[in-house]
């Protein structure tokens, strides 16, 4: 059944150089011919005939309604099936303002198109067989990537890195299933013991292949979602100043008054291609009021939740009870101890810290004078590599749905290794195939599809 024609603004609303209204569907070119007048001489009202022009061409002109010019535009024509949706498509490049974009969009709707649902263009690309479901989902990975590595992972996935792996695993399981069902139907054809050993060997090989793949995905998840790093310490030691230095902007308020930061501030910084979610927390001290107490409790909570803690200590004064408390609490996970204010006379008992902590985890800096910041970044990068493994460029990111499907396949294979009955083994392998088919979208319900594409923006 033919689908109706959809349209949407595909660029963020606001003031910009250009904005795009996108159309896809059977009436796209009928609508374009009605509203677009090509060329500079608008008075001639020359009709635009799609049949006269080749696909993937760009045309200058105006969007017109009842002789009135709505906007000066360029129109890009992409004929089926060589388009994003594999349907007839057009993109109208308007001036980048809210009013011209909405006027052009409303005119398209008046002429017979309807407003697209979130992700409907990509959904049509999937339903029309241009991409599979994992490739469709990778578009979100690209949009939300935080670093160059994250973008690279999303593009590899769009080009089929996950799809290819799933197809290869599915093919191996399917061949194994065919062999088992042949054995069930013709049990006299093969030695039983040899048959069991071969099956076990094949299943173990597939299982190990999946485990190796998942290890790459763990690092891919780190690159895509980022690692949480909490900046902790007593009040007025330089936590907010460090955040501002990382960001190269005044994101957090910095004053000489202790306790300025009352709540956690989170920002993303790029450490050699890895997104780091930096959390600037409130200073740890004895709270003077309810609001301050809530801020301190939140800081302690973030210290526990973060994968890495950056403890800042004021080098211009002696350690206080809260410094000692924090020093003891950071030992359970990766950390850096940052001795700040080295531009002032050093009064902190550095020997006490060196007696208990690794010298390589201690950095002396002057955040105010931008001394030692690069060393913090380098040590932080090495800490990430120690905890999560070196980034090699072969990482893959799985979203929760994809990760669940692959782990379910892994569990079915593990269960299969414990079975002796060919019929049960065959059933488990069929379940594996079903999970893989759902992963790439060969078998999936409309409800799950709607749920997946609802995460997309309108116009994508």
Protein backbone atom coordinates (compact mmCIF):
# COMPACT_ATOMS: atom_id res chain seq x y z
CA UNK A 1 0.00 0.00 0.00
CA UNK A 2 1.36 3.44 -0.93
CA UNK A 3 2.25 5.68 1.97
CA UNK A 4 1.18 9.31 2.15
CA UNK A 5 3.59 12.20 1.65
CA UNK A 6 5.32 13.62 4.71
CA UNK A 7 7.11 16.89 5.37
CA UNK A 8 9.05 18.45 8.23
CA UNK A 9 11.60 21.09 9.11
CA UNK A 10 14.89 19.17 9.27
CA UNK A 11 17.06 21.86 10.83
CA UNK A 12 16.81 23.35 14.34
CA UNK A 13 14.41 26.27 14.64
CA UNK A 14 16.20 29.55 15.20
CA UNK A 15 18.19 32.20 13.37
CA UNK A 16 20.71 30.66 10.95
CA UNK A 17 22.09 30.95 7.43
CA UNK A 18 19.80 28.27 6.03
CA UNK A 19 16.94 26.03 7.08
CA UNK A 20 15.61 22.95 5.32
CA UNK A 21 12.09 21.69 4.77
CA UNK A 22 12.16 18.04 3.72
CA UNK A 23 9.47 16.07 1.83
CA UNK A 24 9.16 12.36 1.03
CA UNK A 25 6.41 10.33 -0.63
CA UNK A 26 4.37 9.80 -3.75
CA UNK A 27 3.04 13.40 -4.02
CA UNK A 28 6.34 15.15 -3.31
CA UNK A 29 6.90 16.34 -6.85
CA UNK A 30 3.26 17.27 -7.42
CA UNK A 31 3.57 19.58 -4.39
CA UNK A 32 6.93 21.00 -5.54
CA UNK A 33 5.54 21.74 -9.02
CA UNK A 34 2.64 23.65 -7.44
CA UNK A 35 4.67 25.85 -5.08
CA UNK A 36 8.10 26.30 -6.70
CA UNK A 37 8.85 28.76 -9.49
CA UNK A 38 12.39 28.33 -10.90
CA UNK A 39 14.82 31.04 -11.97
CA UNK A 40 15.09 34.76 -11.37
CA UNK A 41 12.24 35.97 -13.55
CA UNK A 42 9.36 35.34 -11.19
CA UNK A 43 6.90 37.33 -13.35
CA UNK A 44 6.99 34.68 -16.10
CA UNK A 45 5.67 32.16 -13.54
CA UNK A 46 7.42 29.38 -15.44
CA UNK A 47 6.19 25.96 -14.32
CA UNK A 48 8.68 23.52 -12.86
CA UNK A 49 8.43 20.04 -14.40
CA UNK A 50 10.14 17.29 -12.43
CA UNK A 51 9.97 14.94 -15.42
CA UNK A 52 12.24 17.34 -17.34
CA UNK A 53 15.11 17.26 -14.85
CA UNK A 54 17.52 14.55 -13.66
CA UNK A 55 17.69 13.29 -10.09
CA UNK A 56 20.12 14.73 -7.56
CA UNK A 57 20.09 18.24 -8.99
CA UNK A 58 19.73 21.60 -7.25
CA UNK A 59 17.51 24.42 -8.54
CA UNK A 60 17.25 28.09 -7.63
CA UNK A 61 13.92 29.87 -7.45
CA UNK A 62 11.06 30.97 -5.19
CA UNK A 63 8.29 29.39 -3.15
CA UNK A 64 5.07 31.09 -4.23
CA UNK A 65 1.47 31.01 -2.99
CA UNK A 66 -1.24 32.73 -5.07
CA UNK A 67 1.37 34.88 -6.77
CA UNK A 68 2.94 35.97 -3.47
CA UNK A 69 6.60 35.11 -2.84
CA UNK A 70 7.04 33.24 0.43
CA UNK A 71 10.83 32.83 0.24
CA UNK A 72 13.80 32.71 -2.09
CA UNK A 73 15.05 29.11 -2.01
CA UNK A 74 17.06 26.32 -3.55
CA UNK A 75 15.33 22.97 -4.14
CA UNK A 76 17.19 19.66 -4.23
CA UNK A 77 15.51 16.81 -6.12
CA UNK A 78 16.25 13.15 -5.21
CA UNK A 79 14.19 10.69 -7.20
CA UNK A 80 13.23 7.21 -6.06
CA UNK A 81 14.88 4.78 -5.41
CA UNK A 82 18.19 6.66 -4.99
CA UNK A 83 17.14 8.75 -2.03
CA UNK A 84 17.40 8.55 1.76
CA UNK A 85 13.94 6.95 2.07
CA UNK A 86 13.97 5.21 -1.35
CA UNK A 87 10.91 7.36 -2.13
CA UNK A 88 10.66 10.55 -4.17
CA UNK A 89 12.24 13.24 -1.99
CA UNK A 90 12.90 16.96 -2.08
CA UNK A 91 14.64 19.37 0.25
CA UNK A 92 13.78 23.07 0.18
CA UNK A 93 16.65 25.25 1.39
CA UNK A 94 15.05 28.38 2.86
CA UNK A 95 16.45 31.38 4.69
CA UNK A 96 17.20 30.21 8.21
CA UNK A 97 14.49 31.93 10.22
CA UNK A 98 11.44 30.63 12.07
CA UNK A 99 8.88 32.49 9.93
CA UNK A 100 10.06 31.52 6.40
CA UNK A 101 10.50 27.88 7.43
CA UNK A 102 7.05 27.66 9.01
CA UNK A 103 5.42 29.43 6.07
CA UNK A 104 6.97 26.98 3.58
CA UNK A 105 6.10 23.99 5.80
CA UNK A 106 2.48 25.13 6.17
CA UNK A 107 2.20 25.58 2.40
CA UNK A 108 3.42 21.99 1.85
CA UNK A 109 0.76 20.77 4.28
CA UNK A 110 -1.93 22.84 2.50
CA UNK A 111 -0.95 21.16 -0.77
CA UNK A 112 -1.45 17.63 0.58
CA UNK A 113 1.53 16.58 2.70
CA UNK A 114 1.23 15.83 6.40
CA UNK A 115 3.65 16.61 9.21
CA UNK A 116 6.13 13.77 9.71
CA UNK A 117 6.28 11.88 12.98
CA UNK A 118 9.58 11.74 14.92
CA UNK A 119 12.12 9.69 12.95
CA UNK A 120 9.66 8.90 10.17
CA UNK A 121 12.09 9.63 7.33
CA UNK A 122 14.59 7.16 8.79
CA UNK A 123 11.78 4.71 9.57
CA UNK A 124 10.81 4.75 5.88
CA UNK A 125 14.46 4.16 4.93
CA UNK A 126 14.34 1.05 7.14
CA UNK A 127 10.92 -0.19 5.96
CA UNK A 128 11.93 0.31 2.32
CA UNK A 129 15.05 -1.82 2.82
CA UNK A 130 17.70 0.85 2.39
CA UNK A 131 19.14 0.24 5.86
CA UNK A 132 18.56 -2.33 8.60
CA UNK A 133 17.43 -1.46 12.11
CA UNK A 134 20.93 -1.25 13.63
CA UNK A 135 21.95 1.17 10.89
CA UNK A 136 18.85 3.26 11.54
CA UNK A 137 19.70 3.40 15.25
CA UNK A 138 23.29 4.37 14.43
CA UNK A 139 22.00 7.68 13.08
CA UNK A 140 21.13 8.62 16.66
CA UNK A 141 24.66 7.62 17.70
CA UNK A 142 26.05 10.02 15.08
CA UNK A 143 23.75 12.86 16.13
CA UNK A 144 24.58 12.48 19.83
CA UNK A 145 28.31 11.72 19.46
CA UNK A 146 30.41 13.85 21.82
CA UNK A 147 33.89 13.39 20.31
CA UNK A 148 35.56 12.43 17.04
CA UNK A 149 35.86 8.82 18.28
CA UNK A 150 32.13 8.74 19.00
CA UNK A 151 31.37 10.05 15.52
CA UNK A 152 33.69 7.45 13.99
CA UNK A 153 31.92 4.62 15.85
CA UNK A 154 28.50 5.87 14.71
CA UNK A 155 29.60 6.10 11.07
CA UNK A 156 31.14 2.59 11.14
CA UNK A 157 27.87 1.26 12.53
CA UNK A 158 25.91 3.08 9.82
CA UNK A 159 28.18 1.48 7.22
CA UNK A 160 27.35 -1.96 8.64
CA UNK A 161 29.94 -2.89 11.31
CA UNK A 162 27.25 -4.28 13.66
CA UNK A 163 25.05 -5.61 10.84
CA UNK A 164 27.96 -7.55 9.34
CA UNK A 165 28.86 -9.12 12.67
CA UNK A 166 25.24 -10.15 13.31
CA UNK A 167 24.93 -11.61 9.80
CA UNK A 168 28.12 -13.66 10.19
CA UNK A 169 27.05 -15.04 13.59
CA UNK A 170 23.56 -15.79 12.27
CA UNK A 171 24.98 -17.67 9.30
CA UNK A 172 27.19 -19.83 11.55
CA UNK A 173 24.30 -20.63 13.89
CA UNK A 174 22.01 -21.37 10.95
CA UNK A 175 24.51 -23.83 9.40
CA UNK A 176 24.87 -25.52 12.77
CA UNK A 177 21.09 -25.74 13.08
CA UNK A 178 20.83 -27.34 9.62
CA UNK A 179 23.44 -29.97 10.62
CA UNK A 180 21.63 -30.75 13.89
CA UNK A 181 18.23 -31.09 12.24
CA UNK A 182 19.79 -33.39 9.65
CA UNK A 183 21.12 -35.50 12.53
CA UNK A 184 17.67 -35.55 14.15
CA UNK A 185 16.09 -36.75 10.91
CA UNK A 186 18.87 -39.20 10.01
CA UNK A 187 20.39 -40.36 13.33
CA UNK A 188 22.14 -43.38 11.82
CA UNK A 189 24.33 -41.32 9.48
CA UNK A 190 27.00 -40.19 11.97
CA UNK A 191 28.89 -41.36 15.05
CA UNK A 192 27.08 -39.89 18.09
CA UNK A 193 30.18 -39.07 20.18
CA UNK A 194 31.97 -37.40 17.30
CA UNK A 195 28.81 -35.49 16.51
CA UNK A 196 28.53 -34.14 20.10
CA UNK A 197 32.16 -33.03 20.13
CA UNK A 198 31.78 -31.18 16.83
CA UNK A 199 28.63 -29.40 18.00
CA UNK A 200 30.24 -28.37 21.29
CA UNK A 201 33.34 -27.08 19.50
CA UNK A 202 31.27 -24.99 17.09
CA UNK A 203 29.06 -23.51 19.82
CA UNK A 204 32.08 -22.65 21.99
CA UNK A 205 33.72 -20.93 19.02
CA UNK A 206 30.60 -18.80 18.36
CA UNK A 207 30.26 -18.02 22.08
CA UNK A 208 33.90 -16.83 22.30
CA UNK A 209 33.43 -14.72 19.18
CA UNK A 210 30.48 -12.96 20.82
CA UNK A 211 32.43 -12.40 24.05
CA UNK A 212 35.31 -10.85 22.12
CA UNK A 213 32.85 -8.61 20.28
CA UNK A 214 31.18 -7.50 23.54
CA UNK A 215 34.55 -6.51 25.02
CA UNK A 216 34.93 -4.01 22.17
CA UNK A 217 31.41 -2.77 22.84
CA UNK A 218 32.20 -1.95 26.47
CA UNK A 219 34.83 0.52 25.31
CA UNK A 220 32.48 1.75 22.61
CA UNK A 221 29.91 2.53 25.28
CA UNK A 222 32.53 4.53 27.17
CA UNK A 223 33.31 6.59 24.06
CA UNK A 224 29.65 7.21 23.25
CA UNK A 225 28.26 7.98 26.72
CA UNK A 226 31.41 9.27 28.43
CA UNK A 227 33.04 8.53 31.77
CA UNK A 228 31.94 10.29 34.97
CA UNK A 229 34.72 12.16 36.75
CA UNK A 230 33.90 14.03 39.98
CA UNK A 231 35.91 17.03 41.18
CA UNK A 232 35.80 16.85 44.97
CA UNK A 233 37.39 18.67 47.89
CA UNK A 234 36.85 21.11 50.71
CA UNK A 235 35.39 24.54 49.95
CA UNK A 236 37.52 27.12 48.13
CA UNK A 237 40.27 24.72 47.00
CA UNK A 238 39.77 25.45 43.28
CA UNK A 239 37.16 22.92 42.10
CA UNK A 240 35.10 25.38 40.07
CA UNK A 241 38.27 27.06 38.79
CA UNK A 242 39.45 23.68 37.44
CA UNK A 243 36.12 23.12 35.69
CA UNK A 244 36.33 26.57 34.09
CA UNK A 245 39.94 25.89 33.03
CA UNK A 246 38.95 22.58 31.41
CA UNK A 247 36.09 24.30 29.56
CA UNK A 248 38.08 27.45 28.77
CA UNK A 249 35.07 29.51 29.88
CA UNK A 250 33.49 30.83 33.08
CA UNK A 251 30.90 28.08 33.53
CA UNK A 252 30.99 27.98 37.33
CA UNK A 253 30.95 30.99 39.66
CA UNK A 254 34.32 31.45 41.34
CA UNK A 255 34.74 33.65 44.45
CA UNK A 256 36.93 33.73 47.53
CA UNK A 257 33.85 32.98 49.61
CA UNK A 258 33.82 29.28 50.65
CA UNK A 259 30.70 27.33 49.68
CA UNK A 260 29.81 29.27 46.50
CA UNK A 261 28.95 26.03 44.67
CA UNK A 262 25.78 24.62 46.25
CA UNK A 263 24.87 22.00 43.66
CA UNK A 264 26.76 19.79 41.21
CA UNK A 265 27.52 21.24 37.76
CA UNK A 266 28.10 18.74 34.93
CA UNK A 267 29.87 19.49 31.64
CA UNK A 268 31.50 17.35 28.94
CA UNK A 269 35.16 17.78 28.00
CA UNK A 270 37.18 15.96 25.35
CA UNK A 271 40.26 14.14 26.63
CA UNK A 272 42.09 12.81 23.55
CA UNK A 273 38.87 11.64 21.89
CA UNK A 274 37.18 10.32 25.05
CA UNK A 275 34.17 12.28 26.38
CA UNK A 276 34.59 12.98 30.08
CA UNK A 277 31.56 14.08 32.07
CA UNK A 278 33.14 16.43 34.60
CA UNK A 279 31.07 17.02 37.74
CA UNK A 280 31.99 20.05 39.85
CA UNK A 281 30.63 19.28 43.32
CA UNK A 282 29.92 21.41 46.38
CA UNK A 283 32.71 21.66 48.93
CA UNK A 284 32.76 19.00 51.66
CA UNK A 285 32.51 20.64 55.07
CA UNK A 286 30.23 20.89 58.10
CA UNK A 287 27.01 22.30 56.68
CA UNK A 288 25.65 25.53 58.17
CA UNK A 289 22.12 25.22 56.82
CA UNK A 290 19.73 22.78 55.12
CA UNK A 291 20.59 23.84 51.56
CA UNK A 292 24.32 23.51 52.18
CA UNK A 293 23.77 20.12 53.80
CA UNK A 294 21.91 18.92 50.69
CA UNK A 295 24.82 20.12 48.52
CA UNK A 296 27.37 18.22 50.64
CA UNK A 297 25.23 15.05 50.54
CA UNK A 298 25.02 15.36 46.75
CA UNK A 299 28.82 15.70 46.56
CA UNK A 300 29.31 12.51 48.58
CA UNK A 301 26.79 10.74 46.34
CA UNK A 302 28.66 11.85 43.20
CA UNK A 303 31.97 10.75 44.71
CA UNK A 304 30.51 7.24 45.07
CA UNK A 305 28.89 7.18 41.61
CA UNK A 306 31.80 8.56 39.57
CA UNK A 307 34.25 6.18 37.88
CA UNK A 308 37.17 8.51 38.72
CA UNK A 309 37.59 11.13 41.46
CA UNK A 310 39.78 14.22 41.24
CA UNK A 311 40.49 15.30 44.81
CA UNK A 312 41.74 18.88 45.04
CA UNK A 313 43.69 19.93 48.13
CA UNK A 314 44.72 23.50 48.94
CA UNK A 315 48.53 23.38 49.06
CA UNK A 316 48.73 26.76 50.82
CA UNK A 317 47.28 25.41 54.09
CA UNK A 318 47.57 22.35 56.29
CA UNK A 319 45.29 19.34 55.82
CA UNK A 320 41.97 19.64 57.66
CA UNK A 321 39.65 16.89 58.92
CA UNK A 322 37.65 16.87 55.68
CA UNK A 323 40.81 16.50 53.56
CA UNK A 324 41.78 13.46 55.64
CA UNK A 325 38.28 12.03 55.30
CA UNK A 326 38.28 12.46 51.52
CA UNK A 327 41.78 10.99 51.19
CA UNK A 328 40.55 7.81 52.87
CA UNK A 329 37.37 7.65 50.79
CA UNK A 330 39.03 7.88 47.35
CA UNK A 331 41.09 4.71 47.74
CA UNK A 332 38.36 2.36 46.47
CA UNK A 333 38.43 3.52 42.83
CA UNK A 334 40.72 5.35 40.36
CA UNK A 335 41.73 8.82 41.57
CA UNK A 336 44.07 11.76 41.15
CA UNK A 337 45.18 13.97 44.04
CA UNK A 338 45.65 17.54 42.86
CA UNK A 339 47.70 19.81 45.10
CA UNK A 340 46.56 23.29 44.05
CA UNK A 341 47.91 26.81 44.71
CA UNK A 342 51.60 25.98 44.31
CA UNK A 343 52.09 29.63 43.38
CA UNK A 344 51.70 30.31 47.14
CA UNK A 345 54.03 29.10 49.93
CA UNK A 346 53.48 25.32 50.33
CA UNK A 347 52.10 24.45 53.79
CA UNK A 348 50.29 21.15 53.13
CA UNK A 349 51.85 18.04 54.71
CA UNK A 350 52.86 16.52 51.38
CA UNK A 351 54.93 13.75 53.07
CA UNK A 352 51.80 12.37 54.77
CA UNK A 353 50.10 12.07 51.39
CA UNK A 354 53.15 10.50 49.73
CA UNK A 355 53.37 7.90 52.50
CA UNK A 356 49.89 6.55 51.68
CA UNK A 357 49.38 7.27 47.99
CA UNK A 358 51.07 6.49 44.68
CA UNK A 359 53.37 9.35 43.67
CA UNK A 360 52.15 8.99 40.05
CA UNK A 361 48.60 9.79 41.16
CA UNK A 362 49.62 13.16 42.65
CA UNK A 363 49.82 16.38 40.60
CA UNK A 364 51.05 19.77 41.81
CA UNK A 365 49.33 22.65 40.01
CA UNK A 366 48.36 26.28 40.06
CA UNK A 367 44.94 26.37 38.46
CA UNK A 368 44.91 30.18 38.70
CA UNK A 369 48.12 30.43 36.64
CA UNK A 370 47.27 27.47 34.35
CA UNK A 371 50.28 25.47 35.59
CA UNK A 372 50.02 21.66 35.53
CA UNK A 373 46.62 21.44 33.75
CA UNK A 374 48.06 19.48 30.81
CA UNK A 375 49.59 17.00 33.30
CA UNK A 376 46.14 16.50 34.88
CA UNK A 377 44.66 15.73 31.45
CA UNK A 378 47.47 13.30 30.57
CA UNK A 379 47.21 11.44 33.89
CA UNK A 380 43.42 11.34 33.57
CA UNK A 381 43.75 9.81 30.09
CA UNK A 382 46.15 7.14 31.42
CA UNK A 383 43.75 6.37 34.29
CA UNK A 384 40.94 5.80 31.78
CA UNK A 385 43.17 3.48 29.72
CA UNK A 386 44.18 1.56 32.84
CA UNK A 387 40.59 1.04 33.90
CA UNK A 388 38.88 0.48 30.55
CA UNK A 389 41.62 -0.51 28.12
CA UNK A 390 43.36 1.39 25.36
CA UNK A 391 41.23 2.95 22.64
CA UNK A 392 42.33 1.24 19.40
CA UNK A 393 39.73 2.40 16.90
CA UNK A 394 37.89 -0.95 16.58
CA UNK A 395 35.28 -0.17 19.25
CA UNK A 396 31.55 -0.60 18.66
CA UNK A 397 28.70 0.99 20.60
CA UNK A 398 25.58 -1.00 21.49
CA UNK A 399 22.45 0.65 22.82
CA UNK A 400 20.45 -1.11 25.55
CA UNK A 401 18.17 -2.93 23.09
CA UNK A 402 21.07 -4.24 21.02
CA UNK A 403 23.11 -5.22 24.06
CA UNK A 404 20.16 -7.13 25.53
CA UNK A 405 19.61 -9.09 22.29
CA UNK A 406 23.26 -10.12 21.97
CA UNK A 407 23.49 -11.10 25.64
CA UNK A 408 20.32 -13.19 25.23
CA UNK A 409 21.96 -15.02 22.32
CA UNK A 410 24.99 -15.61 24.52
CA UNK A 411 22.79 -17.10 27.27
CA UNK A 412 21.03 -19.43 24.81
CA UNK A 413 24.44 -20.65 23.59
CA UNK A 414 25.62 -21.21 27.17
CA UNK A 415 22.46 -23.18 27.89
CA UNK A 416 23.01 -25.20 24.70
CA UNK A 417 26.46 -26.30 25.89
CA UNK A 418 24.79 -27.99 28.88
CA UNK A 419 22.31 -29.93 26.74
CA UNK A 420 22.65 -33.45 25.35
CA UNK A 421 19.37 -33.73 23.44
CA UNK A 422 19.61 -32.59 19.79
CA UNK A 423 15.98 -31.42 19.81
CA UNK A 424 16.60 -28.98 22.70
CA UNK A 425 19.86 -27.79 21.14
CA UNK A 426 18.02 -27.11 17.87
CA UNK A 427 15.32 -25.15 19.74
CA UNK A 428 17.92 -23.01 21.50
CA UNK A 429 19.65 -22.24 18.22
CA UNK A 430 16.32 -21.24 16.67
CA UNK A 431 15.85 -18.85 19.60
CA UNK A 432 19.32 -17.40 18.88
CA UNK A 433 18.36 -16.78 15.25
CA UNK A 434 15.10 -15.11 16.30
CA UNK A 435 16.97 -12.76 18.63
CA UNK A 436 19.44 -11.83 15.89
CA UNK A 437 16.61 -11.28 13.40
CA UNK A 438 14.91 -8.93 15.86
CA UNK A 439 18.22 -7.14 16.41
CA UNK A 440 18.60 -6.14 12.75
CA UNK A 441 14.84 -5.71 12.25
CA UNK A 442 13.93 -8.77 10.17
CA UNK A 443 11.31 -9.67 12.78
CA UNK A 444 10.06 -6.86 14.98
CA UNK A 445 6.70 -5.58 16.19
CA UNK A 446 5.20 -2.24 15.20
CA UNK A 447 5.12 -1.27 18.89
CA UNK A 448 8.90 -1.68 19.29
CA UNK A 449 9.52 0.12 15.99
CA UNK A 450 7.42 3.07 17.14
CA UNK A 451 9.29 3.10 20.44
CA UNK A 452 12.70 3.14 18.70
CA UNK A 453 11.88 5.90 16.23
CA UNK A 454 10.12 8.06 18.82
CA UNK A 455 13.62 8.87 20.12
CA UNK A 456 14.46 10.62 16.85
CA UNK A 457 13.74 14.28 16.19
CA UNK A 458 11.04 15.32 13.72
CA UNK A 459 12.62 15.74 10.29
CA UNK A 460 15.18 12.93 10.63
